[in-house]
Amino acid sequence: MTVDVARLADPDLAFWRTRSVARTVGLNLSEAMRGGALSTAEYAVMVERCRKCQHARACTDWLAVNGAGADHVPEHCANAATLNALTPARRTCG
């Protein structure tokens, strides 16, 4: 599989977008890594997944509306499954 490099988002932007989406659902990725729920390699994959995602605009729009808090990450997010599984409220309920 090849990826068109021109379509990759800026790595810094993808890093901060990933952290922002996580924070919106009450997830601190640094704490998840310290606690062993997320490895640094898994975190790097999440940022790369965000860089390749074709829904960056939708995530930015979602953050603008839900930045103060949301109960789950929307399905259009490339990292939705991982972030939703790591979300504190879902870990305690599941």
C-alpha atoms as a PDB file:
ATOM      1  CA  MET A   1       0.000   0.000   0.000  1.00  0.00           C
ATOM      2  CA  THR A   2       1.389   3.399  -0.892  1.00  0.00           C
ATOM      3  CA  VAL A   3       0.464   6.694   0.648  1.00  0.00           C
ATOM      4  CA  ASP A   4       0.554   9.953  -1.236  1.00  0.00           C
ATOM      5  CA  VAL A   5       3.036  11.943   0.854  1.00  0.00           C
ATOM      6  CA  ALA A   6       1.434  15.203  -0.270  1.00  0.00           C
ATOM      7  CA  ARG A   7      -1.742  14.118   1.534  1.00  0.00           C
ATOM      8  CA  LEU A   8      -0.114  13.490   4.897  1.00  0.00           C
ATOM      9  CA  ALA A   9      -1.020  16.032   7.549  1.00  0.00           C
ATOM     10  CA  ASP A  10       1.712  17.906   9.371  1.00  0.00           C
ATOM     11  CA  PRO A  11       3.032  15.590  12.116  1.00  0.00           C
ATOM     12  CA  ASP A  12       2.766  18.305  14.782  1.00  0.00           C
ATOM     13  CA  LEU A  13      -0.845  18.987  13.838  1.00  0.00           C
ATOM     14  CA  ALA A  14      -1.686  15.261  13.928  1.00  0.00           C
ATOM     15  CA  PHE A  15       0.035  14.939  17.314  1.00  0.00           C
ATOM     16  CA  TRP A  16      -1.988  17.778  18.829  1.00  0.00           C
ATOM     17  CA  ARG A  17      -5.236  16.747  17.146  1.00  0.00           C
ATOM     18  CA  THR A  18      -4.880  13.221  18.546  1.00  0.00           C
ATOM     19  CA  ARG A  19      -4.209  14.565  22.041  1.00  0.00           C
ATOM     20  CA  SER A  20      -7.090  17.038  21.784  1.00  0.00           C
ATOM     21  CA  VAL A  21      -9.612  14.415  20.725  1.00  0.00           C
ATOM     22  CA  ALA A  22      -8.459  12.169  23.581  1.00  0.00           C
ATOM     23  CA  ARG A  23      -8.660  14.999  26.113  1.00  0.00           C
ATOM     24  CA  THR A  24     -12.204  15.806  24.974  1.00  0.00           C
ATOM     25  CA  VAL A  25     -13.362  12.368  26.160  1.00  0.00           C
ATOM     26  CA  GLY A  26     -11.404  12.598  29.422  1.00  0.00           C
ATOM     27  CA  LEU A  27      -8.405  10.589  28.299  1.00  0.00           C
ATOM     28  CA  ASN A  28      -4.862  11.694  29.106  1.00  0.00           C
ATOM     29  CA  LEU A  29      -2.587   9.840  26.685  1.00  0.00           C
ATOM     30  CA  SER A  30       0.528  10.486  28.781  1.00  0.00           C
ATOM     31  CA  GLU A  31      -1.149   8.880  31.791  1.00  0.00           C
ATOM     32  CA  ALA A  32      -2.355   5.980  29.621  1.00  0.00           C
ATOM     33  CA  MET A  33       1.244   5.349  28.588  1.00  0.00           C
ATOM     34  CA  ARG A  34       2.567   5.698  32.163  1.00  0.00           C
ATOM     35  CA  GLY A  35      -0.093   3.266  33.350  1.00  0.00           C
ATOM     36  CA  GLY A  36       0.684   0.691  30.659  1.00  0.00           C
ATOM     37  CA  ALA A  37      -2.661   0.947  28.861  1.00  0.00           C
ATOM     38  CA  LEU A  38      -0.939   2.400  25.772  1.00  0.00           C
ATOM     39  CA  SER A  39       2.594   1.784  24.526  1.00  0.00           C
ATOM     40  CA  THR A  40       4.710   4.457  22.910  1.00  0.00           C
ATOM     41  CA  ALA A  41       4.646   2.420  19.698  1.00  0.00           C
ATOM     42  CA  GLU A  42       0.833   2.313  19.762  1.00  0.00           C
ATOM     43  CA  TYR A  43       0.783   6.053  20.363  1.00  0.00           C
ATOM     44  CA  ALA A  44       3.079   6.653  17.392  1.00  0.00           C
ATOM     45  CA  VAL A  45       0.763   4.539  15.218  1.00  0.00           C
ATOM     46  CA  MET A  46      -2.192   6.658  16.344  1.00  0.00           C
ATOM     47  CA  VAL A  47      -0.445   9.878  15.298  1.00  0.00           C
ATOM     48  CA  GLU A  48       0.470   8.362  11.922  1.00  0.00           C
ATOM     49  CA  ARG A  49      -3.112   7.162  11.487  1.00  0.00           C
ATOM     50  CA  CYS A  50      -4.285  10.726  12.136  1.00  0.00           C
ATOM     51  CA  ARG A  51      -1.767  12.067   9.607  1.00  0.00           C
ATOM     52  CA  LYS A  52      -3.237   9.776   6.933  1.00  0.00           C
ATOM     53  CA  CYS A  53      -6.893  10.341   7.817  1.00  0.00           C
ATOM     54  CA  GLN A  54      -9.104  11.954   5.203  1.00  0.00           C
ATOM     55  CA  HIS A  55     -11.478  13.295   7.881  1.00  0.00           C
ATOM     56  CA  ALA A  56      -9.193  15.863   9.514  1.00  0.00           C
ATOM     57  CA  ARG A  57     -11.624  18.683   8.756  1.00  0.00           C
ATOM     58  CA  ALA A  58     -14.472  16.729  10.385  1.00  0.00           C
ATOM     59  CA  CYS A  59     -12.309  16.182  13.488  1.00  0.00           C
ATOM     60  CA  THR A  60     -11.460  19.867  13.663  1.00  0.00           C
ATOM     61  CA  ASP A  61     -15.149  20.745  13.360  1.00  0.00           C
ATOM     62  CA  TRP A  62     -16.052  18.125  15.995  1.00  0.00           C
ATOM     63  CA  LEU A  63     -13.447  19.548  18.374  1.00  0.00           C
ATOM     64  CA  ALA A  64     -14.842  23.053  17.869  1.00  0.00           C
ATOM     65  CA  VAL A  65     -18.277  21.871  19.004  1.00  0.00           C
ATOM     66  CA  ASN A  66     -17.251  19.257  21.600  1.00  0.00           C
ATOM     67  CA  GLY A  67     -14.000  20.654  22.976  1.00  0.00           C
ATOM     68  CA  ALA A  68     -15.504  21.099  26.435  1.00  0.00           C
ATOM     69  CA  GLY A  69     -16.287  17.397  26.655  1.00  0.00           C
ATOM     70  CA  ALA A  70     -17.871  14.456  24.911  1.00  0.00           C
ATOM     71  CA  ASP A  71     -18.731  10.902  25.924  1.00  0.00           C
ATOM     72  CA  HIS A  72     -17.143   9.220  22.901  1.00  0.00           C
ATOM     73  CA  VAL A  73     -14.945   9.822  19.873  1.00  0.00           C
ATOM     74  CA  PRO A  74     -16.929  10.002  16.616  1.00  0.00           C
ATOM     75  CA  GLU A  75     -16.738   7.103  14.158  1.00  0.00           C
ATOM     76  CA  HIS A  76     -15.114   9.227  11.443  1.00  0.00           C
ATOM     77  CA  CYS A  77     -11.955   9.504  13.584  1.00  0.00           C
ATOM     78  CA  ALA A  78      -9.242   7.110  12.429  1.00  0.00           C
ATOM     79  CA  ASN A  79      -8.430   6.426  16.090  1.00  0.00           C
ATOM     80  CA  ALA A  80     -11.998   6.098  17.355  1.00  0.00           C
ATOM     81  CA  ALA A  81     -11.788   2.426  18.316  1.00  0.00           C
ATOM     82  CA  THR A  82      -8.549   2.863  20.261  1.00  0.00           C
ATOM     83  CA  LEU A  83      -9.534   6.117  21.954  1.00  0.00           C
ATOM     84  CA  ASN A  84     -13.023   4.915  22.855  1.00  0.00           C
ATOM     85  CA  ALA A  85     -11.581   1.717  24.351  1.00  0.00           C
ATOM     86  CA  LEU A  86      -9.120   3.741  26.453  1.00  0.00           C
ATOM     87  CA  THR A  87     -11.673   6.307  27.623  1.00  0.00           C
ATOM     88  CA  PRO A  88     -11.898   6.149  31.429  1.00  0.00           C
ATOM     89  CA  ALA A  89     -15.720   5.994  31.584  1.00  0.00           C
ATOM     90  CA  ARG A  90     -15.811   3.093  29.135  1.00  0.00           C
ATOM     91  CA  ARG A  91     -13.102   1.155  30.987  1.00  0.00           C
ATOM     92  CA  THR A  92     -15.036   1.318  34.258  1.00  0.00           C
ATOM     93  CA  CYS A  93     -18.379   0.455  32.650  1.00  0.00           C
ATOM     94  CA  GLY A  94     -17.141  -2.324  30.399  1.00  0.00           C
END
